[in-house]
Amino acid sequence: MARLSPEQVERYKRHLLLDEVGSEGQARLLDASVLIVGGGGLGSPAALYLAAAGIGRLGLVDFDLVDASNLQRQILYTTRDVGRPKVETARARLAELNPDTEVVAYAEKLEAANAERILRGYDVVLDGTDTFPSRYLMSDVCVWLGLPLVYGSVMKFEGQVSVFDARSGPCYRCLFPEPPAPEFAPNCAEAGVLGVLPGVIGLLQATEVLKLVLERGTTLAGRLLTYDALSMQMREFRVSKDPECPVCGPDPSIREPIDYEAFCASAAEAPRAEGIPEVAPSVLKTRLERSEELLLLDVREDWEEETARIEGARRIALGELERRASEVSAWKDRSIVIHCHHGARSRSACELLRSLGFEHVENLAGGIDRWSTEVDPGVPRY
């Protein structure tokens, strides 16, 4: 107990009672440094519990402001915080929770140019992001710096957790060798997420961080844990190290950070060149004003249409489109412009209709969200 003050003995007494933690383990936690990339749905619960546990230095990377739509799941923030920088709000909240924890705020976007600088000097990195460019960049840099990466992701009602540590097992690329095409990678803003789900996954991530720092228990390294909130089931899959991995394999071909934002943008351009045309919101507006004969098809869910809609659009959810394609068969040889929230689902809808013989389908670039910002601010954003 010599290293703990009387106040710390009182604060952490439930840890001190555990043989697997005790005073030595608590001292380890107080000496540890953990970086959380992303202060959103996953980062919020993880940050709260890691600070409460006594992690001595907690880095938080996030360049966003608090938005009202965050409050359904990002429990670090309150209504009065809307419009404020997330990292500054989080730092103040965590300081109130535990003055033993030093919070280092990085109000910047994790990019190829700054990733090594930010990650260097931490013991563990926790992935609280929801974009593939960030995940691949984090994983690559963790391999080079010899850091364990505690991975988590959520979508709708499902989540995943794992630990990637290339020193003794697979890295993120061993499981997912290449970023998926953008149309197959919607984020939570596109697909939605049950508010409590990030809490479950974020706390599982925090648990893995504590085990790594304490060097106790069996971590999820080499295993992928999946959680389905609707069925309340967990499943586990083995993940093996890929001997051909371009980052952690014996003959790596990737040796420096990649600008994955540009990489994914290039990937997004490729399908357009192959025949799915896109129409800008301003161009669609002009065509509608000219009373051009076209079908504006909305493939979002019904609750989304209730929240925001483009006047004159007909809605058939993407999941129902193949079954209900006959309802728009009259437009098989005429112009159809399809939209969703950001453009991913509508691109899939374009491909589906093309496969069914619809020849003149176009995707509304940026979806209804871009329509709201560029054409009609009266259409609510969500």
Protein backbone atom coordinates (compact mmCIF):
# COMPACT_ATOMS: atom_id res chain seq x y z
CA MET A 1 0.00 0.00 0.00
CA ALA A 2 3.07 2.23 0.26
CA ARG A 3 2.55 3.80 -3.18
CA LEU A 4 -1.13 4.60 -2.60
CA SER A 5 -2.32 7.59 -0.63
CA PRO A 6 -5.06 7.11 1.98
CA GLU A 7 -7.49 8.74 -0.46
CA GLN A 8 -6.49 6.27 -3.18
CA VAL A 9 -6.84 3.32 -0.83
CA GLU A 10 -10.40 4.45 -0.16
CA ARG A 11 -11.19 5.13 -3.83
CA TYR A 12 -9.84 1.82 -5.15
CA LYS A 13 -10.61 -0.47 -2.21
CA ARG A 14 -12.81 -2.76 -4.33
CA HIS A 15 -9.83 -3.30 -6.61
CA LEU A 16 -7.50 -3.85 -3.68
CA LEU A 17 -9.70 -6.68 -2.44
CA LEU A 18 -9.12 -8.60 -5.67
CA ASP A 19 -6.12 -10.92 -5.60
CA GLU A 20 -5.69 -10.33 -9.34
CA VAL A 21 -5.36 -6.57 -8.80
CA GLY A 22 -4.35 -5.60 -5.27
CA SER A 23 -2.06 -2.68 -4.53
CA GLU A 24 0.52 -3.76 -7.10
CA GLY A 25 -2.09 -3.99 -9.83
CA GLN A 26 -3.62 -0.66 -8.89
CA ALA A 27 -0.16 0.90 -9.08
CA ARG A 28 0.14 -0.57 -12.59
CA LEU A 29 -3.14 1.08 -13.59
CA LEU A 30 -2.02 4.43 -12.18
CA ASP A 31 1.22 4.17 -14.15
CA ALA A 32 -0.47 3.11 -17.40
CA SER A 33 -1.21 5.25 -20.44
CA VAL A 34 -4.12 4.42 -22.74
CA LEU A 35 -5.11 6.19 -25.95
CA ILE A 36 -8.76 6.24 -27.03
CA VAL A 37 -9.25 7.18 -30.67
CA GLY A 38 -12.81 8.45 -31.02
CA GLY A 39 -14.88 10.01 -28.26
CA GLY A 40 -18.22 8.71 -29.49
CA GLY A 41 -20.45 5.78 -28.62
CA LEU A 42 -17.58 3.37 -27.87
CA GLY A 43 -15.09 5.88 -26.52
CA SER A 44 -17.54 7.45 -24.08
CA PRO A 45 -18.24 4.45 -21.81
CA ALA A 46 -14.67 3.19 -22.19
CA ALA A 47 -13.24 6.54 -21.11
CA LEU A 48 -15.54 6.82 -18.11
CA TYR A 49 -14.71 3.37 -16.77
CA LEU A 50 -10.99 3.54 -17.51
CA ALA A 51 -10.76 6.87 -15.69
CA ALA A 52 -12.80 5.46 -12.81
CA ALA A 53 -10.44 2.47 -12.66
CA GLY A 54 -7.48 4.79 -12.19
CA ILE A 55 -5.68 4.72 -15.54
CA GLY A 56 -3.02 7.35 -14.95
CA ARG A 57 -2.85 8.91 -18.43
CA LEU A 58 -5.77 8.81 -20.81
CA GLY A 59 -5.40 10.23 -24.32
CA LEU A 60 -8.53 11.10 -26.29
CA VAL A 61 -8.50 11.82 -30.03
CA ASP A 62 -11.57 13.45 -31.57
CA PHE A 63 -12.00 16.51 -33.78
CA ASP A 64 -15.80 16.72 -33.66
CA LEU A 65 -18.21 18.94 -31.77
CA VAL A 66 -20.98 17.48 -29.64
CA ASP A 67 -24.16 17.14 -31.70
CA ALA A 68 -27.66 16.57 -30.38
CA SER A 69 -27.82 13.28 -32.31
CA ASN A 70 -24.84 12.01 -30.25
CA LEU A 71 -26.71 12.13 -26.94
CA GLN A 72 -28.70 8.93 -27.56
CA ARG A 73 -25.54 6.87 -26.92
CA GLN A 74 -22.48 9.08 -26.22
CA ILE A 75 -22.84 9.28 -22.46
CA LEU A 76 -19.84 11.52 -21.81
CA TYR A 77 -21.91 14.50 -22.94
CA THR A 78 -25.08 16.31 -21.88
CA THR A 79 -27.53 18.59 -23.63
CA ARG A 80 -25.67 21.70 -22.47
CA ASP A 81 -22.53 20.40 -24.22
CA VAL A 82 -24.05 20.53 -27.72
CA GLY A 83 -21.79 22.61 -29.97
CA ARG A 84 -18.71 22.24 -27.77
CA PRO A 85 -15.54 20.30 -28.74
CA LYS A 86 -15.86 16.70 -27.61
CA VAL A 87 -12.32 16.35 -26.26
CA GLU A 88 -12.56 19.48 -24.10
CA THR A 89 -15.94 18.44 -22.73
CA ALA A 90 -14.66 14.93 -22.08
CA ARG A 91 -11.53 16.19 -20.33
CA ALA A 92 -13.56 18.30 -17.91
CA ARG A 93 -15.99 15.45 -17.19
CA LEU A 94 -13.25 12.89 -16.59
CA ALA A 95 -11.31 15.26 -14.33
CA GLU A 96 -14.41 15.55 -12.16
CA LEU A 97 -14.75 11.79 -12.08
CA ASN A 98 -11.16 11.04 -11.07
CA PRO A 99 -8.41 13.63 -10.45
CA ASP A 100 -5.84 10.79 -10.52
CA THR A 101 -6.32 10.51 -14.29
CA GLU A 102 -4.49 12.95 -16.55
CA VAL A 103 -6.52 13.44 -19.72
CA VAL A 104 -4.58 14.46 -22.82
CA ALA A 105 -6.90 15.92 -25.46
CA TYR A 106 -6.11 15.73 -29.17
CA ALA A 107 -8.63 17.91 -31.00
CA GLU A 108 -7.51 16.64 -34.39
CA LYS A 109 -8.34 13.98 -36.91
CA LEU A 110 -6.15 10.90 -36.89
CA GLU A 111 -4.33 10.94 -40.24
CA ALA A 112 -1.26 9.45 -41.87
CA ALA A 113 0.70 12.62 -41.07
CA ASN A 114 0.06 12.57 -37.30
CA ALA A 115 -0.78 8.98 -36.35
CA GLU A 116 2.69 7.89 -35.23
CA ARG A 117 3.19 11.09 -33.24
CA ILE A 118 -0.11 10.63 -31.39
CA LEU A 119 0.11 6.89 -30.73
CA ARG A 120 3.75 6.86 -29.66
CA GLY A 121 4.25 6.73 -25.89
CA TYR A 122 1.01 4.95 -25.01
CA ASP A 123 0.77 1.40 -23.66
CA VAL A 124 -2.55 0.40 -25.25
CA VAL A 125 -4.72 1.89 -28.02
CA LEU A 126 -8.52 1.57 -27.95
CA ASP A 127 -10.40 1.90 -31.24
CA GLY A 128 -13.53 3.98 -30.71
CA THR A 129 -13.92 5.04 -34.34
CA ASP A 130 -16.56 4.14 -36.92
CA THR A 131 -14.61 4.55 -40.17
CA PHE A 132 -12.43 2.07 -42.01
CA PRO A 133 -9.68 4.58 -42.89
CA SER A 134 -9.10 5.22 -39.17
CA ARG A 135 -9.14 1.53 -38.28
CA TYR A 136 -6.60 0.49 -40.90
CA LEU A 137 -4.33 3.42 -40.08
CA MET A 138 -4.49 2.68 -36.34
CA SER A 139 -3.77 -0.99 -36.87
CA ASP A 140 -0.80 -0.36 -39.14
CA VAL A 141 0.80 2.11 -36.74
CA CYS A 142 0.18 -0.16 -33.73
CA VAL A 143 2.06 -2.93 -35.55
CA TRP A 144 5.05 -0.67 -36.17
CA LEU A 145 5.07 0.69 -32.62
CA GLY A 146 4.49 -2.72 -31.01
CA LEU A 147 1.22 -1.70 -29.34
CA PRO A 148 -1.89 -3.79 -28.64
CA LEU A 149 -5.05 -2.45 -30.30
CA VAL A 150 -8.39 -3.10 -28.60
CA TYR A 151 -10.89 -3.16 -31.45
CA GLY A 152 -14.63 -2.57 -31.27
CA SER A 153 -17.37 -1.85 -33.78
CA VAL A 154 -21.14 -1.50 -33.69
CA MET A 155 -23.90 -1.41 -36.27
CA LYS A 156 -27.66 -1.56 -35.73
CA PHE A 157 -28.02 -4.31 -33.09
CA GLU A 158 -24.67 -6.05 -33.48
CA GLY A 159 -21.17 -5.45 -32.18
CA GLN A 160 -17.69 -6.94 -32.36
CA VAL A 161 -14.68 -6.90 -30.02
CA SER A 162 -11.14 -8.22 -30.33
CA VAL A 163 -7.55 -7.51 -29.37
CA PHE A 164 -4.97 -7.21 -32.14
CA ASP A 165 -1.33 -7.50 -31.08
CA ALA A 166 1.06 -8.37 -33.90
CA ARG A 167 3.84 -9.19 -31.44
CA SER A 168 2.13 -12.45 -30.56
CA GLY A 169 -0.88 -12.82 -32.84
CA PRO A 170 -2.86 -11.34 -35.72
CA CYS A 171 -3.35 -7.68 -36.58
CA TYR A 172 -6.55 -6.12 -37.88
CA ARG A 173 -5.43 -6.72 -41.48
CA CYS A 174 -5.10 -10.44 -40.82
CA LEU A 175 -8.87 -10.49 -40.28
CA PHE A 176 -9.83 -7.82 -42.85
CA PRO A 177 -7.03 -7.67 -45.47
CA GLU A 178 -8.43 -4.71 -47.45
CA PRO A 179 -10.92 -1.90 -46.77
CA PRO A 180 -14.35 -2.81 -48.18
CA ALA A 181 -15.92 -0.88 -51.00
CA PRO A 182 -17.60 2.25 -49.59
CA GLU A 183 -21.09 1.09 -50.55
CA PHE A 184 -20.68 -1.94 -48.31
CA ALA A 185 -19.38 0.05 -45.35
CA PRO A 186 -22.09 2.34 -43.93
CA ASN A 187 -21.42 3.96 -40.58
CA CYS A 188 -23.86 4.42 -37.70
CA ALA A 189 -25.20 7.63 -39.23
CA GLU A 190 -26.16 5.60 -42.30
CA ALA A 191 -27.43 2.38 -40.73
CA GLY A 192 -28.43 3.41 -37.20
CA VAL A 193 -27.49 1.84 -33.88
CA LEU A 194 -29.36 0.81 -30.72
CA GLY A 195 -28.32 3.37 -28.11
CA VAL A 196 -27.21 0.91 -25.44
CA LEU A 197 -25.16 -1.26 -27.83
CA PRO A 198 -22.03 0.94 -27.87
CA GLY A 199 -22.12 0.86 -24.07
CA VAL A 200 -21.93 -2.93 -24.04
CA ILE A 201 -19.12 -3.07 -26.60
CA GLY A 202 -17.24 -0.10 -25.14
CA LEU A 203 -17.20 -1.71 -21.70
CA LEU A 204 -15.97 -5.00 -23.14
CA GLN A 205 -13.15 -3.00 -24.73
CA ALA A 206 -12.39 -1.30 -21.42
CA THR A 207 -12.27 -4.71 -19.75
CA GLU A 208 -9.69 -5.90 -22.29
CA VAL A 209 -7.60 -2.77 -21.68
CA LEU A 210 -7.53 -3.41 -17.92
CA LYS A 211 -6.54 -7.05 -18.45
CA LEU A 212 -3.73 -5.99 -20.77
CA VAL A 213 -2.39 -3.46 -18.27
CA LEU A 214 -2.71 -5.85 -15.34
CA GLU A 215 -1.40 -8.80 -17.37
CA ARG A 216 -4.19 -10.91 -15.92
CA GLY A 217 -6.70 -13.26 -17.49
CA THR A 218 -7.01 -14.27 -21.11
CA THR A 219 -7.55 -11.46 -23.58
CA LEU A 220 -9.38 -11.62 -26.89
CA ALA A 221 -6.11 -11.71 -28.83
CA GLY A 222 -6.62 -14.25 -31.61
CA ARG A 223 -10.38 -14.27 -31.03
CA LEU A 224 -13.26 -12.19 -32.37
CA LEU A 225 -16.27 -11.86 -30.07
CA THR A 226 -19.59 -10.93 -31.68
CA TYR A 227 -22.67 -9.77 -29.81
CA ASP A 228 -26.26 -9.71 -31.07
CA ALA A 229 -28.46 -7.55 -28.87
CA LEU A 230 -31.73 -8.73 -30.43
CA SER A 231 -31.11 -12.39 -29.68
CA MET A 232 -28.84 -11.70 -26.67
CA GLN A 233 -26.25 -14.10 -28.04
CA MET A 234 -22.48 -13.98 -28.14
CA ARG A 235 -20.34 -15.99 -30.53
CA GLU A 236 -16.60 -16.41 -30.74
CA PHE A 237 -14.41 -16.95 -33.81
CA ARG A 238 -10.73 -17.79 -33.97
CA VAL A 239 -8.52 -15.32 -35.84
CA SER A 240 -5.15 -16.55 -37.11
CA LYS A 241 -2.12 -14.56 -38.08
CA ASP A 242 -1.89 -14.20 -41.86
CA PRO A 243 1.59 -15.17 -43.08
CA GLU A 244 0.95 -13.04 -46.17
CA CYS A 245 -0.16 -9.96 -44.23
CA PRO A 246 1.35 -6.88 -45.91
CA VAL A 247 1.92 -5.18 -42.55
CA CYS A 248 2.66 -7.78 -39.85
CA GLY A 249 3.81 -10.66 -42.06
CA PRO A 250 7.45 -11.73 -42.42
CA ASP A 251 7.83 -9.83 -45.70
CA PRO A 252 5.74 -6.66 -45.28
CA SER A 253 5.02 -4.48 -48.28
CA ILE A 254 3.44 -1.64 -46.28
CA ARG A 255 6.04 0.10 -44.15
CA GLU A 256 4.72 3.63 -43.68
CA PRO A 257 1.34 5.24 -43.01
CA ILE A 258 -1.10 5.33 -45.90
CA ASP A 259 -3.58 8.13 -46.51
CA TYR A 260 -6.59 5.83 -46.28
CA GLU A 261 -9.04 8.68 -46.76
CA ALA A 262 -7.62 9.19 -50.26
CA PHE A 263 -7.37 5.43 -50.79
CA CYS A 264 -11.04 4.88 -49.97
CA ALA A 265 -12.05 7.91 -52.02
CA SER A 266 -10.28 6.38 -55.02
CA ALA A 267 -12.09 3.11 -54.38
CA ALA A 268 -15.36 4.99 -54.26
CA GLU A 269 -14.68 6.51 -57.67
CA ALA A 270 -13.97 3.17 -59.33
CA PRO A 271 -17.56 1.83 -59.45
CA ARG A 272 -18.82 5.09 -60.94
CA ALA A 273 -16.50 4.64 -63.87
CA GLU A 274 -18.07 1.23 -64.42
CA GLY A 275 -21.53 2.56 -65.10
CA ILE A 276 -23.51 3.75 -62.06
CA PRO A 277 -23.88 7.46 -62.78
CA GLU A 278 -24.29 9.99 -59.99
CA VAL A 279 -26.26 13.19 -60.06
CA ALA A 280 -25.43 16.18 -57.86
CA PRO A 281 -28.28 17.59 -55.74
CA SER A 282 -28.16 20.93 -57.57
CA VAL A 283 -28.51 19.17 -60.93
CA LEU A 284 -31.45 17.11 -59.68
CA LYS A 285 -33.10 20.30 -58.41
CA THR A 286 -32.85 21.85 -61.88
CA ARG A 287 -34.25 18.73 -63.52
CA LEU A 288 -37.20 18.68 -61.12
CA GLU A 289 -37.87 22.39 -61.66
CA ARG A 290 -37.98 21.74 -65.38
CA SER A 291 -40.60 19.03 -64.74
CA GLU A 292 -38.37 16.39 -66.29
CA GLU A 293 -40.08 13.03 -66.31
CA LEU A 294 -38.23 10.93 -63.74
CA LEU A 295 -38.95 8.74 -60.74
CA LEU A 296 -37.32 9.89 -57.51
CA LEU A 297 -36.99 6.71 -55.47
CA ASP A 298 -36.24 6.79 -51.72
CA VAL A 299 -34.78 3.53 -50.39
CA ARG A 300 -34.54 4.55 -46.71
CA GLU A 301 -36.61 3.16 -43.84
CA ASP A 302 -40.04 4.52 -42.93
CA TRP A 303 -38.82 6.32 -39.78
CA GLU A 304 -36.27 8.16 -41.92
CA GLU A 305 -38.96 9.34 -44.30
CA GLU A 306 -40.96 10.58 -41.32
CA THR A 307 -37.91 12.55 -40.18
CA ALA A 308 -36.97 14.08 -43.54
CA ARG A 309 -38.11 13.66 -47.12
CA ILE A 310 -37.70 15.16 -50.57
CA GLU A 311 -41.05 16.24 -51.93
CA GLY A 312 -42.37 13.90 -54.61
CA ALA A 313 -40.15 10.95 -53.76
CA ARG A 314 -41.58 7.45 -53.68
CA ARG A 315 -40.25 5.23 -50.88
CA ILE A 316 -39.45 1.53 -51.09
CA ALA A 317 -36.91 0.41 -48.49
CA LEU A 318 -33.79 -1.21 -49.89
CA GLY A 319 -34.58 -4.52 -48.17
CA GLU A 320 -37.96 -4.66 -49.95
CA LEU A 321 -36.86 -3.39 -53.35
CA GLU A 322 -36.21 -6.69 -55.10
CA ARG A 323 -39.57 -8.10 -53.96
CA ARG A 324 -41.42 -4.91 -54.94
CA ALA A 325 -39.54 -4.09 -58.15
CA SER A 326 -42.70 -4.74 -60.17
CA GLU A 327 -44.21 -1.64 -58.55
CA VAL A 328 -41.80 0.53 -60.54
CA SER A 329 -41.69 -1.62 -63.68
CA ALA A 330 -43.33 1.19 -65.67
CA TRP A 331 -40.04 3.08 -65.28
CA LYS A 332 -37.87 0.26 -66.65
CA ASP A 333 -36.95 2.27 -69.74
CA ARG A 334 -37.20 5.69 -68.14
CA SER A 335 -35.12 7.74 -65.73
CA ILE A 336 -34.93 6.77 -62.05
CA VAL A 337 -32.92 8.75 -59.49
CA ILE A 338 -32.41 6.86 -56.23
CA HIS A 339 -31.47 8.35 -52.88
CA CYS A 340 -30.90 7.31 -49.28
CA HIS A 341 -29.22 9.12 -46.38
CA HIS A 342 -25.63 9.45 -47.64
CA GLY A 343 -25.55 7.45 -50.86
CA ALA A 344 -24.41 3.93 -49.91
CA ARG A 345 -27.77 2.15 -49.87
CA SER A 346 -28.94 3.97 -52.97
CA ARG A 347 -25.84 2.79 -54.85
CA SER A 348 -26.72 -0.79 -53.90
CA ALA A 349 -30.28 -0.12 -55.08
CA CYS A 350 -28.97 1.15 -58.43
CA GLU A 351 -26.95 -2.03 -58.87
CA LEU A 352 -29.96 -4.17 -57.96
CA LEU A 353 -32.27 -2.46 -60.46
CA ARG A 354 -29.59 -2.61 -63.15
CA SER A 355 -29.39 -6.37 -62.62
CA LEU A 356 -33.18 -6.54 -63.09
CA GLY A 357 -33.05 -4.76 -66.44
CA PHE A 358 -33.63 -1.13 -65.42
CA GLU A 359 -31.34 0.79 -67.74
CA HIS A 360 -31.56 4.42 -66.65
CA VAL A 361 -30.81 4.52 -62.91
CA GLU A 362 -28.79 7.24 -61.20
CA ASN A 363 -27.56 7.69 -57.65
CA LEU A 364 -28.12 10.98 -55.81
CA ALA A 365 -24.62 11.94 -54.67
CA GLY A 366 -24.45 12.44 -50.91
CA GLY A 367 -28.08 11.44 -50.45
CA ILE A 368 -30.71 13.48 -48.67
CA ASP A 369 -28.07 14.77 -46.26
CA ARG A 370 -26.26 16.60 -49.06
CA TRP A 371 -29.63 17.71 -50.47
CA SER A 372 -30.33 19.36 -47.12
CA THR A 373 -27.01 21.23 -47.07
CA GLU A 374 -26.85 22.25 -50.74
CA VAL A 375 -30.43 22.60 -51.96
CA ASP A 376 -33.10 22.74 -49.25
CA PRO A 377 -32.08 23.61 -45.66
CA GLY A 378 -35.72 23.13 -44.71
CA VAL A 379 -35.23 19.37 -44.97
CA PRO A 380 -34.07 18.27 -41.49
CA ARG A 381 -30.68 16.59 -41.12
CA TYR A 382 -30.37 13.55 -38.87
